[in-house]
Amino acid sequence: MKLVMAIVNNDDSNRVQKALASGGFSATKLATTGGFLMSGNTTFIIGTEDERVTALIDILRIHSKRRYERLETVNVSDGSFIAPASTEIMVGGATVFVMNVERFEKI
């Protein structure tokens, strides 16, 4: 048995949740915040049999897409003035952790 933790962008979370349910996967959904951009994410915790991990990751790959967003930044050149700038960054996709489960009980 495996425990899968998948962190996806909030924009993708409803699509991922529906696809997981359609694929027969039960998931616990947690609201989380990323440390770098301080933006909203959703973390799914899913327990599954070893042979179903590939199907689970395929669902995550299909329904959590990477995309570019503009991030407004501030550049300070010499301390005397502040000039706004904009940077394009990649967001979305999924970060997936797959862990072995030694013991599983439903009480």
N, C-alpha and C. Protein backbone atom coordinates (compact mmCIF):
# COMPACT_ATOMS: atom_id res chain seq x y z
N MET A 1 0.84 -1.17 0.00
CA MET A 1 0.00 0.00 0.00
C MET A 1 0.88 1.23 0.00
N LYS A 2 0.39 2.30 -0.63
CA LYS A 2 1.13 3.56 -0.73
C LYS A 2 0.27 4.71 -0.19
N LEU A 3 0.94 5.72 0.33
CA LEU A 3 0.32 6.98 0.71
C LEU A 3 0.84 8.02 -0.26
N VAL A 4 -0.06 8.68 -0.96
CA VAL A 4 0.32 9.69 -1.95
C VAL A 4 -0.13 11.06 -1.45
N MET A 5 0.81 11.99 -1.40
CA MET A 5 0.49 13.38 -1.08
C MET A 5 0.73 14.19 -2.34
N ALA A 6 -0.30 14.87 -2.81
CA ALA A 6 -0.20 15.65 -4.05
C ALA A 6 -0.57 17.09 -3.76
N ILE A 7 0.34 18.00 -4.05
CA ILE A 7 0.10 19.42 -3.85
C ILE A 7 -0.18 20.03 -5.22
N VAL A 8 -1.38 20.61 -5.37
CA VAL A 8 -1.79 21.20 -6.64
C VAL A 8 -2.24 22.63 -6.43
N ASN A 9 -2.21 23.40 -7.48
CA ASN A 9 -2.67 24.79 -7.46
C ASN A 9 -4.17 24.82 -7.21
N ASN A 10 -4.64 25.80 -6.45
CA ASN A 10 -6.07 25.93 -6.17
C ASN A 10 -6.91 25.97 -7.43
N ASP A 11 -6.38 26.55 -8.50
CA ASP A 11 -7.13 26.63 -9.75
C ASP A 11 -7.44 25.26 -10.33
N ASP A 12 -6.65 24.26 -9.98
CA ASP A 12 -6.83 22.91 -10.51
C ASP A 12 -7.53 21.97 -9.54
N SER A 13 -7.72 22.38 -8.30
CA SER A 13 -8.13 21.45 -7.25
C SER A 13 -9.51 20.82 -7.48
N ASN A 14 -10.48 21.58 -7.94
CA ASN A 14 -11.81 20.99 -8.17
C ASN A 14 -11.78 19.96 -9.29
N ARG A 15 -11.05 20.27 -10.36
CA ARG A 15 -10.91 19.35 -11.48
C ARG A 15 -10.22 18.05 -11.02
N VAL A 16 -9.17 18.19 -10.23
CA VAL A 16 -8.44 17.03 -9.72
C VAL A 16 -9.34 16.21 -8.80
N GLN A 17 -10.06 16.88 -7.91
CA GLN A 17 -10.94 16.17 -6.97
C GLN A 17 -12.00 15.34 -7.70
N LYS A 18 -12.63 15.92 -8.71
CA LYS A 18 -13.64 15.19 -9.48
C LYS A 18 -13.03 14.02 -10.23
N ALA A 19 -11.85 14.20 -10.81
CA ALA A 19 -11.19 13.13 -11.54
C ALA A 19 -10.77 11.99 -10.61
N LEU A 20 -10.30 12.34 -9.42
CA LEU A 20 -9.93 11.31 -8.45
C LEU A 20 -11.15 10.47 -8.07
N ALA A 21 -12.26 11.14 -7.79
CA ALA A 21 -13.49 10.43 -7.43
C ALA A 21 -13.95 9.53 -8.58
N SER A 22 -13.91 10.06 -9.80
CA SER A 22 -14.30 9.27 -10.98
C SER A 22 -13.40 8.05 -11.17
N GLY A 23 -12.13 8.19 -10.77
CA GLY A 23 -11.18 7.09 -10.90
C GLY A 23 -11.24 6.11 -9.73
N GLY A 24 -12.14 6.36 -8.79
CA GLY A 24 -12.29 5.45 -7.66
C GLY A 24 -11.33 5.68 -6.51
N PHE A 25 -10.73 6.87 -6.45
CA PHE A 25 -9.79 7.19 -5.39
C PHE A 25 -10.47 8.06 -4.33
N SER A 26 -10.33 7.68 -3.07
CA SER A 26 -10.79 8.51 -1.96
C SER A 26 -9.63 9.40 -1.54
N ALA A 27 -9.92 10.66 -1.27
CA ALA A 27 -8.86 11.59 -0.92
C ALA A 27 -9.30 12.52 0.20
N THR A 28 -8.35 12.89 1.03
CA THR A 28 -8.56 13.95 2.01
C THR A 28 -7.98 15.21 1.40
N LYS A 29 -8.74 16.30 1.44
CA LYS A 29 -8.36 17.55 0.79
C LYS A 29 -8.05 18.59 1.87
N LEU A 30 -6.83 19.15 1.81
CA LEU A 30 -6.40 20.16 2.76
C LEU A 30 -6.07 21.46 2.06
N ALA A 31 -6.48 22.59 2.64
CA ALA A 31 -6.07 23.89 2.13
C ALA A 31 -4.67 24.18 2.65
N THR A 32 -3.74 24.47 1.74
CA THR A 32 -2.35 24.74 2.13
C THR A 32 -1.86 26.00 1.42
N THR A 33 -0.73 26.52 1.90
CA THR A 33 -0.14 27.72 1.31
C THR A 33 1.31 27.43 0.97
N GLY A 34 1.69 27.78 -0.25
CA GLY A 34 3.08 27.59 -0.68
C GLY A 34 4.00 28.59 0.00
N GLY A 35 5.21 28.17 0.28
CA GLY A 35 6.16 29.03 0.97
C GLY A 35 6.83 30.06 0.11
N PHE A 36 6.98 29.80 -1.18
CA PHE A 36 7.71 30.73 -2.06
C PHE A 36 6.82 31.88 -2.51
N LEU A 37 5.69 31.57 -3.12
CA LEU A 37 4.80 32.61 -3.63
C LEU A 37 3.72 33.00 -2.63
N MET A 38 3.62 32.24 -1.54
CA MET A 38 2.60 32.48 -0.52
C MET A 38 1.20 32.46 -1.12
N SER A 39 1.00 31.57 -2.08
CA SER A 39 -0.30 31.47 -2.74
C SER A 39 -0.99 30.18 -2.33
N GLY A 40 -2.30 30.13 -2.58
CA GLY A 40 -3.10 28.99 -2.17
C GLY A 40 -2.85 27.75 -2.98
N ASN A 41 -2.73 26.64 -2.28
CA ASN A 41 -2.61 25.32 -2.88
C ASN A 41 -3.63 24.41 -2.22
N THR A 42 -3.78 23.25 -2.79
CA THR A 42 -4.58 22.20 -2.18
C THR A 42 -3.70 20.97 -2.10
N THR A 43 -3.67 20.34 -0.93
CA THR A 43 -2.92 19.10 -0.76
C THR A 43 -3.91 17.96 -0.62
N PHE A 44 -3.77 16.97 -1.48
CA PHE A 44 -4.60 15.77 -1.42
C PHE A 44 -3.78 14.66 -0.78
N ILE A 45 -4.39 13.96 0.18
CA ILE A 45 -3.78 12.80 0.80
C ILE A 45 -4.59 11.59 0.39
N ILE A 46 -3.92 10.63 -0.26
CA ILE A 46 -4.63 9.50 -0.87
C ILE A 46 -3.90 8.21 -0.51
N GLY A 47 -4.63 7.26 0.00
CA GLY A 47 -4.09 5.92 0.22
C GLY A 47 -4.56 5.03 -0.91
N THR A 48 -3.64 4.24 -1.47
CA THR A 48 -4.00 3.37 -2.59
C THR A 48 -3.10 2.15 -2.64
N GLU A 49 -3.56 1.15 -3.37
CA GLU A 49 -2.77 -0.05 -3.58
C GLU A 49 -1.59 0.27 -4.50
N ASP A 50 -0.51 -0.47 -4.33
CA ASP A 50 0.70 -0.23 -5.11
C ASP A 50 0.43 -0.20 -6.62
N GLU A 51 -0.39 -1.14 -7.10
CA GLU A 51 -0.62 -1.25 -8.55
C GLU A 51 -1.47 -0.12 -9.12
N ARG A 52 -2.07 0.72 -8.26
CA ARG A 52 -2.90 1.82 -8.77
C ARG A 52 -2.19 3.18 -8.75
N VAL A 53 -0.94 3.21 -8.29
CA VAL A 53 -0.20 4.48 -8.18
C VAL A 53 -0.02 5.12 -9.55
N THR A 54 0.31 4.36 -10.57
CA THR A 54 0.50 4.91 -11.91
C THR A 54 -0.78 5.57 -12.42
N ALA A 55 -1.91 4.92 -12.23
CA ALA A 55 -3.19 5.50 -12.66
C ALA A 55 -3.48 6.79 -11.90
N LEU A 56 -3.15 6.82 -10.63
CA LEU A 56 -3.35 8.02 -9.81
C LEU A 56 -2.49 9.17 -10.31
N ILE A 57 -1.24 8.90 -10.57
CA ILE A 57 -0.33 9.95 -11.07
C ILE A 57 -0.77 10.42 -12.45
N ASP A 58 -1.28 9.54 -13.28
CA ASP A 58 -1.80 9.95 -14.59
C ASP A 58 -2.95 10.94 -14.42
N ILE A 59 -3.84 10.69 -13.48
CA ILE A 59 -4.95 11.63 -13.23
C ILE A 59 -4.41 12.98 -12.81
N LEU A 60 -3.43 12.99 -11.91
CA LEU A 60 -2.84 14.26 -11.46
C LEU A 60 -2.17 14.99 -12.62
N ARG A 61 -1.47 14.25 -13.46
CA ARG A 61 -0.76 14.86 -14.60
C ARG A 61 -1.75 15.49 -15.59
N ILE A 62 -2.85 14.82 -15.84
CA ILE A 62 -3.84 15.31 -16.81
C ILE A 62 -4.60 16.53 -16.29
N HIS A 63 -4.91 16.54 -15.00
CA HIS A 63 -5.83 17.55 -14.48
C HIS A 63 -5.17 18.68 -13.69
N SER A 64 -3.86 18.69 -13.58
CA SER A 64 -3.16 19.81 -12.93
C SER A 64 -2.10 20.32 -13.90
N LYS A 65 -2.45 21.36 -14.59
CA LYS A 65 -1.61 21.89 -15.68
C LYS A 65 -0.68 23.00 -15.22
N ARG A 66 0.50 23.03 -15.80
CA ARG A 66 1.44 24.14 -15.56
C ARG A 66 1.06 25.29 -16.48
N ARG A 67 1.26 26.49 -15.98
CA ARG A 67 0.98 27.68 -16.77
C ARG A 67 1.83 28.83 -16.24
N TYR A 68 1.93 29.88 -17.02
CA TYR A 68 2.71 31.05 -16.63
C TYR A 68 1.80 32.13 -16.08
N GLU A 69 2.28 32.81 -15.02
CA GLU A 69 1.58 33.96 -14.45
C GLU A 69 2.59 35.08 -14.27
N ARG A 70 2.08 36.28 -14.28
CA ARG A 70 2.94 37.44 -14.05
C ARG A 70 2.99 37.74 -12.56
N LEU A 71 4.20 37.96 -12.05
CA LEU A 71 4.43 38.30 -10.66
C LEU A 71 5.00 39.71 -10.63
N GLU A 72 4.30 40.59 -9.94
CA GLU A 72 4.78 41.97 -9.82
C GLU A 72 5.85 42.02 -8.73
N THR A 73 7.01 42.56 -9.07
CA THR A 73 8.12 42.67 -8.13
C THR A 73 8.56 44.12 -8.02
N VAL A 74 9.42 44.39 -7.06
CA VAL A 74 9.96 45.74 -6.88
C VAL A 74 11.47 45.64 -6.93
N ASN A 75 12.08 46.44 -7.80
CA ASN A 75 13.53 46.50 -7.90
C ASN A 75 14.03 47.77 -7.23
N VAL A 76 15.03 47.64 -6.38
CA VAL A 76 15.67 48.80 -5.75
C VAL A 76 17.07 48.87 -6.32
N SER A 77 17.32 49.94 -7.11
CA SER A 77 18.61 50.00 -7.80
C SER A 77 19.72 50.49 -6.88
N ASP A 78 19.59 51.66 -6.31
CA ASP A 78 20.67 52.18 -5.46
C ASP A 78 20.13 52.69 -4.13
N GLY A 79 18.89 52.35 -3.80
CA GLY A 79 18.30 52.78 -2.54
C GLY A 79 17.59 54.12 -2.63
N SER A 80 17.74 54.84 -3.75
CA SER A 80 17.13 56.16 -3.83
C SER A 80 15.75 56.13 -4.50
N PHE A 81 15.44 55.08 -5.25
CA PHE A 81 14.12 55.00 -5.86
C PHE A 81 13.72 53.53 -6.04
N ILE A 82 12.43 53.34 -6.21
CA ILE A 82 11.90 51.99 -6.40
C ILE A 82 11.22 51.95 -7.76
N ALA A 83 11.62 51.01 -8.58
CA ALA A 83 11.03 50.86 -9.91
C ALA A 83 10.28 49.53 -9.97
N PRO A 84 8.98 49.57 -10.28
CA PRO A 84 8.24 48.32 -10.37
C PRO A 84 8.70 47.49 -11.57
N ALA A 85 8.64 46.20 -11.41
CA ALA A 85 9.01 45.29 -12.50
C ALA A 85 8.03 44.12 -12.49
N SER A 86 8.05 43.36 -13.55
CA SER A 86 7.16 42.23 -13.66
C SER A 86 7.97 41.03 -14.14
N THR A 87 7.71 39.89 -13.53
CA THR A 87 8.42 38.67 -13.87
C THR A 87 7.40 37.59 -14.20
N GLU A 88 7.69 36.82 -15.22
CA GLU A 88 6.81 35.71 -15.57
C GLU A 88 7.32 34.45 -14.89
N ILE A 89 6.43 33.77 -14.15
CA ILE A 89 6.81 32.55 -13.43
C ILE A 89 5.88 31.41 -13.82
N MET A 90 6.36 30.19 -13.66
CA MET A 90 5.54 29.01 -13.94
C MET A 90 4.85 28.58 -12.65
N VAL A 91 3.55 28.35 -12.73
CA VAL A 91 2.77 27.86 -11.59
C VAL A 91 1.97 26.65 -12.05
N GLY A 92 1.35 26.00 -11.10
CA GLY A 92 0.50 24.86 -11.43
C GLY A 92 1.28 23.57 -11.48
N GLY A 93 0.69 22.60 -12.11
CA GLY A 93 1.27 21.27 -12.09
C GLY A 93 1.00 20.64 -10.74
N ALA A 94 1.72 19.62 -10.41
CA ALA A 94 1.54 18.95 -9.13
C ALA A 94 2.90 18.53 -8.59
N THR A 95 3.03 18.61 -7.28
CA THR A 95 4.18 18.05 -6.59
C THR A 95 3.66 16.83 -5.87
N VAL A 96 4.23 15.67 -6.16
CA VAL A 96 3.67 14.40 -5.69
C VAL A 96 4.72 13.63 -4.88
N PHE A 97 4.31 13.19 -3.71
CA PHE A 97 5.14 12.34 -2.86
C PHE A 97 4.45 10.99 -2.74
N VAL A 98 5.18 9.91 -2.97
CA VAL A 98 4.64 8.56 -2.83
C VAL A 98 5.45 7.86 -1.74
N MET A 99 4.75 7.41 -0.70
CA MET A 99 5.41 6.81 0.46
C MET A 99 4.86 5.41 0.73
N ASN A 100 5.72 4.54 1.19
CA ASN A 100 5.29 3.20 1.59
C ASN A 100 4.49 3.29 2.89
N VAL A 101 3.47 2.45 3.00
CA VAL A 101 2.66 2.37 4.20
C VAL A 101 2.93 1.01 4.84
N GLU A 102 3.43 1.04 6.07
CA GLU A 102 3.68 -0.21 6.78
C GLU A 102 2.41 -0.85 7.28
N ARG A 103 1.50 -0.02 7.71
CA ARG A 103 0.27 -0.54 8.32
C ARG A 103 -0.87 0.41 8.02
N PHE A 104 -2.04 -0.14 7.73
CA PHE A 104 -3.23 0.66 7.46
C PHE A 104 -4.41 0.03 8.21
N GLU A 105 -5.12 0.85 8.96
CA GLU A 105 -6.31 0.40 9.65
C GLU A 105 -7.39 1.45 9.52
N LYS A 106 -8.60 0.99 9.32
CA LYS A 106 -9.76 1.89 9.29
C LYS A 106 -10.59 1.54 10.53
N ILE A 107 -10.61 2.43 11.48
CA ILE A 107 -11.27 2.15 12.76
C ILE A 107 -12.55 2.96 12.91
